[in-house]
């Protein structure tokens, strides 16, 4: 797999405009500055931030359905992938995180990059958001827990995108005992071990059998 180390390499791979790339650069600069004070990303990933975080998040853009409605990023943390997608032009993005310091960073990132997002400093279960058209989550929780968390912000035709790693097969085996779904496993082009799970028509097995 090709390594995308620099901003220009990632910008070319994501096919973003020069203006968008400049906004992504401002976001990365701010993220690294704040990283010195609060843990926004894994310390070992900071040196390869453009591949590990920006490319990894931005690749989702190519898979988003053309549907209207809120795009809800749960456990958003540093805004990955939600803030990156918003910078790239996705409208009506909502970022949810219960950590007030991370929400302060997200507000500053929104200001510095000139990106309109809605930031919710709350737990997912209590966030006041209209049901999402799209739900995203990256490095938040095991798949079983993720699905439970997203039920309060989703509806029947919500499309879910979950970033997962090498343990994805075991996680999928576990959830299929309790959930029916339409599932696509999308290989990541930022990591040989990573995938993006695209799920829709998500229903509990017991509900489907009624």
N, C-alpha and C. Protein backbone atom coordinates (compact mmCIF):
# COMPACT_ATOMS: atom_id res chain seq x y z
N UNK A 1 0.84 -1.20 0.00
CA UNK A 1 0.00 0.00 0.00
C UNK A 1 0.88 1.26 0.00
N UNK A 2 0.54 2.21 -0.87
CA UNK A 2 1.28 3.46 -0.95
C UNK A 2 1.10 4.27 0.33
N UNK A 3 2.20 4.83 0.82
CA UNK A 3 2.13 5.69 1.99
C UNK A 3 1.91 7.13 1.54
N UNK A 4 0.92 7.77 2.12
CA UNK A 4 0.63 9.16 1.82
C UNK A 4 1.08 9.98 3.03
N UNK A 5 2.27 10.54 2.95
CA UNK A 5 2.89 11.16 4.12
C UNK A 5 2.63 12.66 4.22
N UNK A 6 2.51 13.34 3.09
CA UNK A 6 2.46 14.79 3.11
C UNK A 6 1.06 15.31 2.82
N UNK A 7 0.89 16.60 3.13
CA UNK A 7 -0.40 17.24 2.88
C UNK A 7 -0.74 17.21 1.39
N UNK A 8 0.24 17.48 0.53
CA UNK A 8 -0.02 17.51 -0.90
C UNK A 8 -0.39 16.13 -1.44
N UNK A 9 0.26 15.08 -0.92
CA UNK A 9 -0.05 13.72 -1.35
C UNK A 9 -1.47 13.34 -0.94
N UNK A 10 -1.83 13.67 0.28
CA UNK A 10 -3.19 13.36 0.75
C UNK A 10 -4.22 14.20 0.02
N UNK A 11 -3.91 15.47 -0.20
CA UNK A 11 -4.84 16.32 -0.95
C UNK A 11 -5.10 15.80 -2.34
N UNK A 12 -4.04 15.30 -2.99
CA UNK A 12 -4.20 14.74 -4.33
C UNK A 12 -5.02 13.45 -4.28
N UNK A 13 -4.76 12.60 -3.30
CA UNK A 13 -5.49 11.33 -3.20
C UNK A 13 -6.97 11.57 -2.93
N UNK A 14 -7.28 12.59 -2.13
CA UNK A 14 -8.67 12.90 -1.82
C UNK A 14 -9.31 13.79 -2.87
N UNK A 15 -8.51 14.29 -3.80
CA UNK A 15 -9.01 15.12 -4.90
C UNK A 15 -9.73 16.36 -4.37
N UNK A 16 -9.06 17.07 -3.45
CA UNK A 16 -9.65 18.30 -2.91
C UNK A 16 -9.05 19.52 -3.60
N UNK A 17 -9.76 20.62 -3.53
CA UNK A 17 -9.27 21.86 -4.11
C UNK A 17 -8.13 22.42 -3.28
N UNK A 18 -7.41 23.38 -3.86
CA UNK A 18 -6.31 24.02 -3.14
C UNK A 18 -6.84 24.73 -1.89
N UNK A 19 -8.00 25.36 -2.02
CA UNK A 19 -8.59 26.06 -0.87
C UNK A 19 -8.94 25.08 0.25
N UNK A 20 -9.54 23.95 -0.11
CA UNK A 20 -9.89 22.95 0.91
C UNK A 20 -8.65 22.39 1.57
N UNK A 21 -7.61 22.15 0.79
CA UNK A 21 -6.38 21.64 1.37
C UNK A 21 -5.79 22.64 2.35
N UNK A 22 -5.86 23.92 2.04
CA UNK A 22 -5.36 24.94 2.97
C UNK A 22 -6.14 24.92 4.28
N UNK A 23 -7.43 24.71 4.19
CA UNK A 23 -8.26 24.64 5.40
C UNK A 23 -7.92 23.38 6.20
N UNK A 24 -7.67 22.28 5.52
CA UNK A 24 -7.23 21.06 6.20
C UNK A 24 -5.88 21.27 6.89
N UNK A 25 -5.00 22.02 6.25
CA UNK A 25 -3.71 22.32 6.86
C UNK A 25 -3.88 23.12 8.15
N UNK A 26 -4.79 24.10 8.12
CA UNK A 26 -5.04 24.90 9.33
C UNK A 26 -5.60 24.02 10.44
N UNK A 27 -6.45 23.10 10.07
CA UNK A 27 -7.01 22.17 11.05
C UNK A 27 -5.92 21.29 11.67
N UNK A 28 -5.05 20.76 10.84
CA UNK A 28 -3.96 19.91 11.33
C UNK A 28 -3.02 20.70 12.24
N UNK A 29 -2.67 21.91 11.85
CA UNK A 29 -1.80 22.74 12.68
C UNK A 29 -2.41 22.98 14.06
N UNK A 30 -3.71 23.27 14.07
CA UNK A 30 -4.40 23.51 15.34
C UNK A 30 -4.45 22.23 16.17
N UNK A 31 -4.74 21.11 15.52
CA UNK A 31 -4.83 19.84 16.23
C UNK A 31 -3.49 19.51 16.91
N UNK A 32 -2.40 19.68 16.20
CA UNK A 32 -1.09 19.38 16.77
C UNK A 32 -0.73 20.35 17.90
N UNK A 33 -1.18 21.58 17.79
CA UNK A 33 -0.94 22.55 18.85
C UNK A 33 -1.70 22.16 20.12
N UNK A 34 -2.96 21.81 19.96
CA UNK A 34 -3.78 21.43 21.12
C UNK A 34 -3.37 20.08 21.68
N UNK A 35 -2.80 19.23 20.84
CA UNK A 35 -2.37 17.90 21.28
C UNK A 35 -1.36 17.97 22.41
N UNK A 36 -0.62 19.06 22.49
CA UNK A 36 0.37 19.22 23.56
C UNK A 36 -0.30 19.31 24.93
N UNK A 37 -1.56 19.76 24.94
CA UNK A 37 -2.26 19.95 26.22
C UNK A 37 -3.29 18.88 26.51
N UNK A 38 -3.99 18.42 25.48
CA UNK A 38 -5.01 17.38 25.69
C UNK A 38 -4.82 16.28 24.65
N UNK A 39 -5.23 15.07 25.00
CA UNK A 39 -5.02 13.92 24.14
C UNK A 39 -6.13 13.83 23.10
N UNK A 40 -5.87 14.37 21.91
CA UNK A 40 -6.86 14.35 20.84
C UNK A 40 -6.68 13.17 19.90
N UNK A 41 -5.42 12.78 19.69
CA UNK A 41 -5.10 11.61 18.85
C UNK A 41 -4.03 10.79 19.55
N UNK A 42 -3.84 9.56 19.13
CA UNK A 42 -2.80 8.73 19.72
C UNK A 42 -1.44 9.38 19.52
N UNK A 43 -0.66 9.53 20.57
CA UNK A 43 0.65 10.19 20.46
C UNK A 43 1.54 9.59 19.38
N UNK A 44 1.45 8.29 19.17
CA UNK A 44 2.31 7.64 18.18
C UNK A 44 1.86 7.89 16.74
N UNK A 45 0.68 8.50 16.56
CA UNK A 45 0.17 8.74 15.21
C UNK A 45 0.39 10.17 14.74
N UNK A 46 0.88 11.04 15.63
CA UNK A 46 1.03 12.45 15.29
C UNK A 46 2.02 12.67 14.15
N UNK A 47 3.09 11.87 14.11
CA UNK A 47 4.10 12.04 13.07
C UNK A 47 3.59 11.69 11.68
N UNK A 48 2.55 10.89 11.60
CA UNK A 48 1.97 10.50 10.32
C UNK A 48 0.51 10.92 10.26
N UNK A 49 0.24 12.12 10.74
CA UNK A 49 -1.14 12.57 10.92
C UNK A 49 -1.90 12.67 9.60
N UNK A 50 -1.22 13.01 8.52
CA UNK A 50 -1.93 13.18 7.26
C UNK A 50 -2.48 11.86 6.71
N UNK A 51 -1.74 10.79 6.88
CA UNK A 51 -2.23 9.48 6.44
C UNK A 51 -3.17 8.87 7.46
N UNK A 52 -2.72 8.82 8.72
CA UNK A 52 -3.44 8.10 9.75
C UNK A 52 -4.79 8.73 10.10
N UNK A 53 -4.90 10.04 9.95
CA UNK A 53 -6.12 10.71 10.39
C UNK A 53 -6.86 11.48 9.29
N UNK A 54 -6.14 12.26 8.50
CA UNK A 54 -6.83 13.06 7.49
C UNK A 54 -7.26 12.19 6.30
N UNK A 55 -6.33 11.42 5.74
CA UNK A 55 -6.70 10.51 4.66
C UNK A 55 -7.69 9.47 5.13
N UNK A 56 -7.46 8.92 6.32
CA UNK A 56 -8.35 7.88 6.84
C UNK A 56 -9.78 8.41 6.97
N UNK A 57 -9.93 9.63 7.47
CA UNK A 57 -11.26 10.23 7.62
C UNK A 57 -11.83 10.66 6.27
N UNK A 58 -11.00 11.34 5.48
CA UNK A 58 -11.49 11.91 4.23
C UNK A 58 -11.89 10.90 3.18
N UNK A 59 -11.34 9.69 3.25
CA UNK A 59 -11.71 8.67 2.26
C UNK A 59 -13.20 8.33 2.30
N UNK A 60 -13.85 8.62 3.42
CA UNK A 60 -15.27 8.32 3.55
C UNK A 60 -16.11 9.15 2.59
N UNK A 61 -15.59 10.31 2.20
CA UNK A 61 -16.34 11.21 1.32
C UNK A 61 -16.83 10.50 0.06
N UNK A 62 -16.02 9.61 -0.48
CA UNK A 62 -16.36 8.92 -1.73
C UNK A 62 -17.49 7.92 -1.56
N UNK A 63 -17.82 7.58 -0.32
CA UNK A 63 -18.83 6.54 -0.08
C UNK A 63 -20.14 7.07 0.50
N UNK A 64 -20.20 8.37 0.79
CA UNK A 64 -21.42 8.92 1.40
C UNK A 64 -22.56 8.95 0.40
N UNK A 65 -23.75 8.53 0.80
CA UNK A 65 -24.90 8.61 -0.11
C UNK A 65 -25.35 10.05 -0.28
N UNK A 66 -25.97 10.33 -1.39
CA UNK A 66 -26.48 11.68 -1.65
C UNK A 66 -27.88 11.78 -1.06
N UNK A 67 -27.93 11.94 0.25
CA UNK A 67 -29.20 12.04 0.96
C UNK A 67 -29.17 13.27 1.84
N UNK A 68 -30.31 13.87 2.06
CA UNK A 68 -30.36 15.08 2.88
C UNK A 68 -30.69 14.71 4.33
N UNK A 69 -30.18 15.51 5.24
CA UNK A 69 -30.42 15.28 6.65
C UNK A 69 -29.12 15.35 7.44
N UNK A 70 -29.23 15.37 8.76
CA UNK A 70 -28.03 15.51 9.59
C UNK A 70 -27.03 14.37 9.38
N UNK A 71 -25.76 14.74 9.38
CA UNK A 71 -24.66 13.77 9.43
C UNK A 71 -24.11 13.85 10.85
N UNK A 72 -24.25 12.78 11.61
CA UNK A 72 -23.92 12.79 13.04
C UNK A 72 -22.67 11.95 13.29
N UNK A 73 -21.65 12.61 13.84
CA UNK A 73 -20.40 11.94 14.18
C UNK A 73 -20.36 11.76 15.69
N UNK A 74 -20.47 10.52 16.16
CA UNK A 74 -20.54 10.28 17.60
C UNK A 74 -19.15 10.04 18.18
N UNK A 75 -18.96 10.50 19.41
CA UNK A 75 -17.65 10.41 20.04
C UNK A 75 -16.61 11.09 19.18
N UNK A 76 -16.92 12.29 18.71
CA UNK A 76 -16.14 12.94 17.66
C UNK A 76 -14.71 13.26 18.07
N UNK A 77 -14.48 13.55 19.33
CA UNK A 77 -13.12 13.81 19.80
C UNK A 77 -12.47 14.98 19.10
N UNK A 78 -11.47 14.70 18.28
CA UNK A 78 -10.78 15.74 17.52
C UNK A 78 -11.52 16.14 16.25
N UNK A 79 -12.68 15.52 16.02
CA UNK A 79 -13.43 15.82 14.80
C UNK A 79 -13.12 14.87 13.67
N UNK A 80 -12.76 13.65 14.03
CA UNK A 80 -12.39 12.63 13.04
C UNK A 80 -13.43 11.51 13.04
N UNK A 81 -14.20 11.35 11.98
CA UNK A 81 -14.05 12.00 10.68
C UNK A 81 -14.89 13.25 10.47
N UNK A 82 -15.78 13.60 11.39
CA UNK A 82 -16.80 14.62 11.14
C UNK A 82 -16.28 15.97 10.69
N UNK A 83 -15.30 16.53 11.39
CA UNK A 83 -14.78 17.84 11.03
C UNK A 83 -14.09 17.80 9.67
N UNK A 84 -13.36 16.73 9.40
CA UNK A 84 -12.70 16.59 8.10
C UNK A 84 -13.73 16.57 6.98
N UNK A 85 -14.81 15.83 7.17
CA UNK A 85 -15.86 15.76 6.15
C UNK A 85 -16.51 17.13 5.95
N UNK A 86 -16.74 17.85 7.05
CA UNK A 86 -17.34 19.18 6.95
C UNK A 86 -16.41 20.14 6.20
N UNK A 87 -15.12 20.08 6.50
CA UNK A 87 -14.16 20.92 5.78
C UNK A 87 -14.17 20.59 4.29
N UNK A 88 -14.39 19.33 3.97
CA UNK A 88 -14.42 18.90 2.57
C UNK A 88 -15.75 19.20 1.89
N UNK A 89 -16.70 19.74 2.64
CA UNK A 89 -17.93 20.22 2.00
C UNK A 89 -19.22 19.51 2.37
N UNK A 90 -19.17 18.54 3.28
CA UNK A 90 -20.39 17.85 3.69
C UNK A 90 -21.24 18.81 4.55
N UNK A 91 -22.51 19.01 4.22
CA UNK A 91 -23.35 19.94 4.98
C UNK A 91 -24.01 19.29 6.20
N UNK A 92 -24.48 20.13 7.11
CA UNK A 92 -25.29 19.70 8.25
C UNK A 92 -24.61 18.62 9.09
N UNK A 93 -23.34 18.87 9.43
CA UNK A 93 -22.57 17.92 10.24
C UNK A 93 -22.71 18.27 11.72
N UNK A 94 -23.02 17.25 12.51
CA UNK A 94 -23.15 17.39 13.96
C UNK A 94 -22.07 16.55 14.64
N UNK A 95 -21.32 17.18 15.53
CA UNK A 95 -20.23 16.51 16.25
C UNK A 95 -20.64 16.35 17.70
N UNK A 96 -20.66 15.12 18.19
CA UNK A 96 -21.07 14.85 19.57
C UNK A 96 -19.88 14.35 20.37
N UNK A 97 -19.61 15.00 21.51
CA UNK A 97 -18.59 14.50 22.43
C UNK A 97 -18.92 14.98 23.83
N UNK A 98 -18.73 14.10 24.80
CA UNK A 98 -19.06 14.44 26.19
C UNK A 98 -17.92 15.17 26.91
N UNK A 99 -16.74 15.24 26.28
CA UNK A 99 -15.58 15.90 26.88
C UNK A 99 -15.58 17.38 26.51
N UNK A 100 -15.74 18.24 27.49
CA UNK A 100 -15.85 19.68 27.23
C UNK A 100 -14.57 20.25 26.62
N UNK A 101 -13.42 19.70 26.96
CA UNK A 101 -12.17 20.20 26.39
C UNK A 101 -12.09 19.89 24.90
N UNK A 102 -12.53 18.71 24.52
CA UNK A 102 -12.52 18.36 23.10
C UNK A 102 -13.54 19.19 22.33
N UNK A 103 -14.66 19.50 22.96
CA UNK A 103 -15.65 20.37 22.31
C UNK A 103 -15.09 21.78 22.15
N UNK A 104 -14.30 22.25 23.11
CA UNK A 104 -13.65 23.55 22.98
C UNK A 104 -12.71 23.55 21.77
N UNK A 105 -11.98 22.46 21.60
CA UNK A 105 -11.13 22.34 20.42
C UNK A 105 -11.96 22.38 19.14
N UNK A 106 -13.07 21.66 19.12
CA UNK A 106 -13.91 21.62 17.92
C UNK A 106 -14.45 23.00 17.58
N UNK A 107 -14.85 23.77 18.58
CA UNK A 107 -15.31 25.14 18.33
C UNK A 107 -14.20 25.98 17.71
N UNK A 108 -12.98 25.84 18.24
CA UNK A 108 -11.86 26.60 17.71
C UNK A 108 -11.51 26.13 16.29
N UNK A 109 -11.58 24.84 16.04
CA UNK A 109 -11.32 24.32 14.70
C UNK A 109 -12.35 24.83 13.70
N UNK A 110 -13.60 24.91 14.13
CA UNK A 110 -14.65 25.45 13.28
C UNK A 110 -14.35 26.91 12.92
N UNK A 111 -13.90 27.68 13.92
CA UNK A 111 -13.59 29.10 13.70
C UNK A 111 -12.38 29.26 12.78
N UNK A 112 -11.30 28.55 13.09
CA UNK A 112 -10.04 28.71 12.35
C UNK A 112 -10.17 28.28 10.89
N UNK A 113 -10.95 27.25 10.64
CA UNK A 113 -11.09 26.74 9.27
C UNK A 113 -12.28 27.33 8.53
N UNK A 114 -13.11 28.11 9.22
CA UNK A 114 -14.29 28.68 8.59
C UNK A 114 -15.30 27.63 8.18
N UNK A 115 -15.47 26.64 9.05
CA UNK A 115 -16.34 25.50 8.74
C UNK A 115 -17.56 25.49 9.65
N UNK A 116 -18.74 25.47 9.06
CA UNK A 116 -19.97 25.44 9.84
C UNK A 116 -20.30 24.02 10.27
N UNK A 117 -20.30 23.79 11.58
CA UNK A 117 -20.71 22.51 12.16
C UNK A 117 -21.52 22.79 13.41
N UNK A 118 -22.30 21.80 13.82
CA UNK A 118 -23.03 21.87 15.09
C UNK A 118 -22.30 20.99 16.09
N UNK A 119 -21.95 21.56 17.24
CA UNK A 119 -21.18 20.83 18.24
C UNK A 119 -22.04 20.59 19.47
N UNK A 120 -22.13 19.35 19.90
CA UNK A 120 -22.97 18.95 21.02
C UNK A 120 -22.09 18.40 22.13
N UNK A 121 -21.98 19.15 23.22
CA UNK A 121 -21.21 18.69 24.37
C UNK A 121 -22.13 17.88 25.28
N UNK A 122 -22.29 16.61 24.91
CA UNK A 122 -23.22 15.74 25.64
C UNK A 122 -22.91 14.29 25.31
N UNK A 123 -23.56 13.41 26.04
CA UNK A 123 -23.52 12.00 25.68
C UNK A 123 -24.44 11.78 24.48
N UNK A 124 -24.16 10.76 23.70
CA UNK A 124 -24.98 10.49 22.52
C UNK A 124 -26.43 10.29 22.90
N UNK A 125 -26.66 9.57 24.00
CA UNK A 125 -28.01 9.21 24.40
C UNK A 125 -28.88 10.42 24.74
N UNK A 126 -28.26 11.54 25.09
CA UNK A 126 -29.03 12.72 25.50
C UNK A 126 -28.89 13.89 24.52
N UNK A 127 -28.19 13.69 23.41
CA UNK A 127 -28.00 14.77 22.43
C UNK A 127 -29.34 15.09 21.75
N UNK A 128 -29.63 16.37 21.62
CA UNK A 128 -30.87 16.81 21.00
C UNK A 128 -30.63 17.10 19.53
N UNK A 129 -30.84 16.08 18.72
CA UNK A 129 -30.59 16.16 17.27
C UNK A 129 -31.73 15.46 16.56
N UNK A 130 -32.14 16.01 15.42
CA UNK A 130 -33.11 15.30 14.59
C UNK A 130 -32.49 13.98 14.12
N UNK A 131 -33.29 12.95 13.90
CA UNK A 131 -32.73 11.66 13.46
C UNK A 131 -31.81 11.82 12.27
N UNK A 132 -30.67 11.15 12.33
CA UNK A 132 -29.61 11.33 11.35
C UNK A 132 -29.89 10.61 10.04
N UNK A 133 -29.46 11.22 8.95
CA UNK A 133 -29.44 10.52 7.67
C UNK A 133 -28.23 9.61 7.61
N UNK A 134 -27.12 10.10 8.19
CA UNK A 134 -25.86 9.36 8.20
C UNK A 134 -25.26 9.45 9.59
N UNK A 135 -24.75 8.33 10.10
CA UNK A 135 -24.04 8.30 11.38
C UNK A 135 -22.63 7.78 11.13
N UNK A 136 -21.63 8.46 11.69
CA UNK A 136 -20.25 8.01 11.58
C UNK A 136 -19.66 7.82 12.98
N UNK A 137 -18.69 6.94 13.08
CA UNK A 137 -17.96 6.74 14.34
C UNK A 137 -16.60 6.15 14.02
N UNK A 138 -15.59 6.69 14.68
CA UNK A 138 -14.21 6.24 14.45
C UNK A 138 -13.51 6.16 15.80
N UNK A 139 -12.99 4.99 16.12
CA UNK A 139 -12.23 4.78 17.36
C UNK A 139 -13.03 5.18 18.59
N UNK A 140 -14.28 4.71 18.64
CA UNK A 140 -15.17 5.09 19.75
C UNK A 140 -15.42 3.93 20.71
N UNK A 141 -15.86 2.78 20.17
CA UNK A 141 -16.27 1.67 21.02
C UNK A 141 -16.37 0.40 20.18
N UNK A 142 -16.44 -0.77 20.83
CA UNK A 142 -16.71 -2.01 20.09
C UNK A 142 -18.01 -1.90 19.31
N UNK A 143 -18.12 -2.64 18.23
CA UNK A 143 -19.25 -2.52 17.32
C UNK A 143 -20.60 -2.73 18.02
N UNK A 144 -20.67 -3.71 18.89
CA UNK A 144 -21.93 -3.96 19.60
C UNK A 144 -22.38 -2.74 20.38
N UNK A 145 -21.45 -2.10 21.08
CA UNK A 145 -21.76 -0.89 21.85
C UNK A 145 -22.10 0.27 20.93
N UNK A 146 -21.39 0.39 19.81
CA UNK A 146 -21.67 1.46 18.86
C UNK A 146 -23.11 1.43 18.37
N UNK A 147 -23.55 0.24 17.99
CA UNK A 147 -24.91 0.12 17.47
C UNK A 147 -25.93 0.52 18.52
N UNK A 148 -25.71 0.10 19.75
CA UNK A 148 -26.62 0.49 20.83
C UNK A 148 -26.64 2.01 21.01
N UNK A 149 -25.45 2.61 20.99
CA UNK A 149 -25.36 4.06 21.19
C UNK A 149 -26.08 4.84 20.10
N UNK A 150 -26.01 4.36 18.87
CA UNK A 150 -26.54 5.14 17.76
C UNK A 150 -28.06 5.08 17.64
N UNK A 151 -28.70 4.20 18.39
CA UNK A 151 -30.15 4.05 18.24
C UNK A 151 -30.92 5.32 18.59
N UNK A 152 -30.36 6.12 19.49
CA UNK A 152 -31.07 7.34 19.91
C UNK A 152 -30.97 8.47 18.88
N UNK A 153 -30.07 8.35 17.90
CA UNK A 153 -29.93 9.42 16.90
C UNK A 153 -30.21 8.93 15.48
N UNK A 154 -30.77 7.73 15.35
CA UNK A 154 -30.99 7.16 14.02
C UNK A 154 -32.47 6.91 13.76
N UNK A 155 -32.76 6.54 12.52
CA UNK A 155 -34.12 6.21 12.10
C UNK A 155 -34.03 5.00 11.17
N UNK A 156 -35.15 4.60 10.61
CA UNK A 156 -35.20 3.35 9.84
C UNK A 156 -34.25 3.34 8.65
N UNK A 157 -34.12 4.49 7.97
CA UNK A 157 -33.27 4.50 6.76
C UNK A 157 -31.92 5.19 6.97
N UNK A 158 -31.48 5.32 8.22
CA UNK A 158 -30.16 5.87 8.49
C UNK A 158 -29.07 4.95 7.93
N UNK A 159 -28.03 5.54 7.38
CA UNK A 159 -26.87 4.79 6.89
C UNK A 159 -25.72 5.01 7.88
N UNK A 160 -25.10 3.92 8.31
CA UNK A 160 -24.04 3.98 9.32
C UNK A 160 -22.69 3.68 8.67
N UNK A 161 -21.67 4.44 9.08
CA UNK A 161 -20.31 4.19 8.64
C UNK A 161 -19.43 4.08 9.88
N UNK A 162 -18.91 2.89 10.14
CA UNK A 162 -18.06 2.65 11.31
C UNK A 162 -16.66 2.24 10.85
N UNK A 163 -15.66 2.94 11.35
CA UNK A 163 -14.27 2.62 11.04
C UNK A 163 -13.81 1.51 11.98
N UNK A 164 -13.25 0.45 11.41
CA UNK A 164 -12.84 -0.68 12.25
C UNK A 164 -11.47 -1.22 11.82
N UNK A 165 -10.86 -2.01 12.72
CA UNK A 165 -9.52 -2.54 12.48
C UNK A 165 -9.50 -4.05 12.35
N UNK A 166 -8.40 -4.64 12.80
CA UNK A 166 -8.14 -6.05 12.53
C UNK A 166 -9.10 -7.02 13.23
N UNK A 167 -9.81 -6.56 14.27
CA UNK A 167 -10.72 -7.46 14.99
C UNK A 167 -12.14 -7.41 14.43
N UNK A 168 -12.31 -6.84 13.25
CA UNK A 168 -13.65 -6.59 12.72
C UNK A 168 -14.45 -7.88 12.52
N UNK A 169 -13.80 -8.97 12.12
CA UNK A 169 -14.54 -10.22 11.87
C UNK A 169 -15.20 -10.73 13.14
N UNK A 170 -14.48 -10.69 14.24
CA UNK A 170 -15.05 -11.13 15.52
C UNK A 170 -16.19 -10.21 15.95
N UNK A 171 -16.03 -8.92 15.74
CA UNK A 171 -17.09 -7.98 16.13
C UNK A 171 -18.35 -8.20 15.29
N UNK A 172 -18.17 -8.47 14.01
CA UNK A 172 -19.33 -8.72 13.14
C UNK A 172 -20.03 -10.01 13.52
N UNK A 173 -19.26 -11.05 13.84
CA UNK A 173 -19.85 -12.32 14.27
C UNK A 173 -20.72 -12.12 15.50
N UNK A 174 -20.26 -11.29 16.42
CA UNK A 174 -21.00 -11.04 17.65
C UNK A 174 -22.31 -10.30 17.39
N UNK A 175 -22.27 -9.24 16.58
CA UNK A 175 -23.49 -8.44 16.41
C UNK A 175 -24.54 -9.15 15.57
N UNK A 176 -24.12 -10.06 14.70
CA UNK A 176 -25.09 -10.72 13.83
C UNK A 176 -26.00 -11.67 14.60
N UNK A 177 -25.67 -11.94 15.85
CA UNK A 177 -26.56 -12.72 16.71
C UNK A 177 -27.81 -11.93 17.09
N UNK A 178 -27.68 -10.61 17.11
CA UNK A 178 -28.76 -9.76 17.61
C UNK A 178 -29.30 -8.75 16.59
N UNK A 179 -28.59 -8.58 15.47
CA UNK A 179 -28.99 -7.55 14.51
C UNK A 179 -29.00 -8.10 13.09
N UNK A 180 -30.03 -7.69 12.34
CA UNK A 180 -30.06 -7.90 10.90
C UNK A 180 -29.68 -6.58 10.23
N UNK A 181 -29.04 -6.67 9.07
CA UNK A 181 -28.59 -5.44 8.41
C UNK A 181 -28.19 -5.73 6.98
N UNK A 182 -28.12 -4.68 6.20
CA UNK A 182 -27.45 -4.71 4.91
C UNK A 182 -26.03 -4.19 5.16
N UNK A 183 -25.02 -4.96 4.76
CA UNK A 183 -23.65 -4.66 5.14
C UNK A 183 -22.70 -4.65 3.95
N UNK A 184 -21.87 -3.63 3.87
CA UNK A 184 -20.75 -3.59 2.94
C UNK A 184 -19.48 -3.37 3.75
N UNK A 185 -18.45 -4.13 3.45
CA UNK A 185 -17.14 -3.96 4.10
C UNK A 185 -16.22 -3.30 3.08
N UNK A 186 -15.85 -2.06 3.35
CA UNK A 186 -15.06 -1.26 2.40
C UNK A 186 -13.60 -1.25 2.86
N UNK A 187 -12.68 -1.76 2.05
CA UNK A 187 -11.26 -1.73 2.44
C UNK A 187 -10.77 -0.29 2.57
N UNK A 188 -9.96 -0.06 3.57
CA UNK A 188 -9.38 1.27 3.76
C UNK A 188 -8.18 1.44 2.85
N UNK A 189 -8.02 2.65 2.28
CA UNK A 189 -6.79 2.87 1.54
C UNK A 189 -5.79 3.70 2.33
N UNK A 190 -6.00 3.77 3.65
CA UNK A 190 -5.00 4.40 4.51
C UNK A 190 -4.34 3.38 5.45
N UNK A 191 -4.89 2.15 5.50
CA UNK A 191 -4.36 1.13 6.40
C UNK A 191 -4.66 -0.25 5.85
N UNK A 192 -3.68 -1.13 5.87
CA UNK A 192 -3.90 -2.49 5.38
C UNK A 192 -4.83 -3.28 6.29
N UNK A 193 -4.91 -2.91 7.56
CA UNK A 193 -5.76 -3.62 8.52
C UNK A 193 -7.13 -2.98 8.68
N UNK A 194 -7.30 -1.78 8.17
CA UNK A 194 -8.53 -1.04 8.41
C UNK A 194 -9.62 -1.29 7.38
N UNK A 195 -10.86 -1.16 7.83
CA UNK A 195 -12.02 -1.21 6.95
C UNK A 195 -13.03 -0.17 7.41
N UNK A 196 -13.95 0.16 6.52
CA UNK A 196 -15.12 0.95 6.88
C UNK A 196 -16.34 0.08 6.68
N UNK A 197 -17.13 -0.07 7.73
CA UNK A 197 -18.37 -0.82 7.63
C UNK A 197 -19.50 0.12 7.24
N UNK A 198 -20.19 -0.20 6.15
CA UNK A 198 -21.37 0.56 5.75
C UNK A 198 -22.60 -0.29 6.06
N UNK A 199 -23.42 0.18 6.96
CA UNK A 199 -24.59 -0.58 7.38
C UNK A 199 -25.86 0.23 7.15
N UNK A 200 -26.91 -0.45 6.75
CA UNK A 200 -28.24 0.16 6.70
C UNK A 200 -29.29 -0.92 6.91
N UNK A 201 -30.55 -0.49 6.99
CA UNK A 201 -31.66 -1.40 7.30
C UNK A 201 -31.36 -2.20 8.56
N UNK A 202 -30.89 -1.50 9.58
CA UNK A 202 -30.47 -2.14 10.83
C UNK A 202 -31.68 -2.40 11.73
N UNK A 203 -31.93 -3.67 12.01
CA UNK A 203 -33.06 -4.04 12.88
C UNK A 203 -32.64 -5.15 13.83
N UNK A 204 -33.21 -5.13 15.02
CA UNK A 204 -32.94 -6.19 15.98
C UNK A 204 -33.52 -7.51 15.47
N UNK A 205 -32.85 -8.61 15.74
CA UNK A 205 -33.31 -9.91 15.29
C UNK A 205 -34.68 -10.21 15.87
N UNK A 206 -34.90 -9.92 17.14
CA UNK A 206 -36.20 -10.23 17.74
C UNK A 206 -37.31 -9.37 17.15
N UNK A 207 -36.98 -8.11 16.80
CA UNK A 207 -37.99 -7.23 16.19
C UNK A 207 -38.34 -7.70 14.79
N UNK A 208 -37.33 -8.16 14.05
CA UNK A 208 -37.55 -8.63 12.68
C UNK A 208 -38.39 -9.89 12.66
N UNK A 209 -38.33 -10.68 13.74
CA UNK A 209 -39.05 -11.95 13.79
C UNK A 209 -40.49 -11.80 14.24
N UNK A 210 -40.84 -10.61 14.76
CA UNK A 210 -42.20 -10.42 15.26
C UNK A 210 -43.23 -10.44 14.13
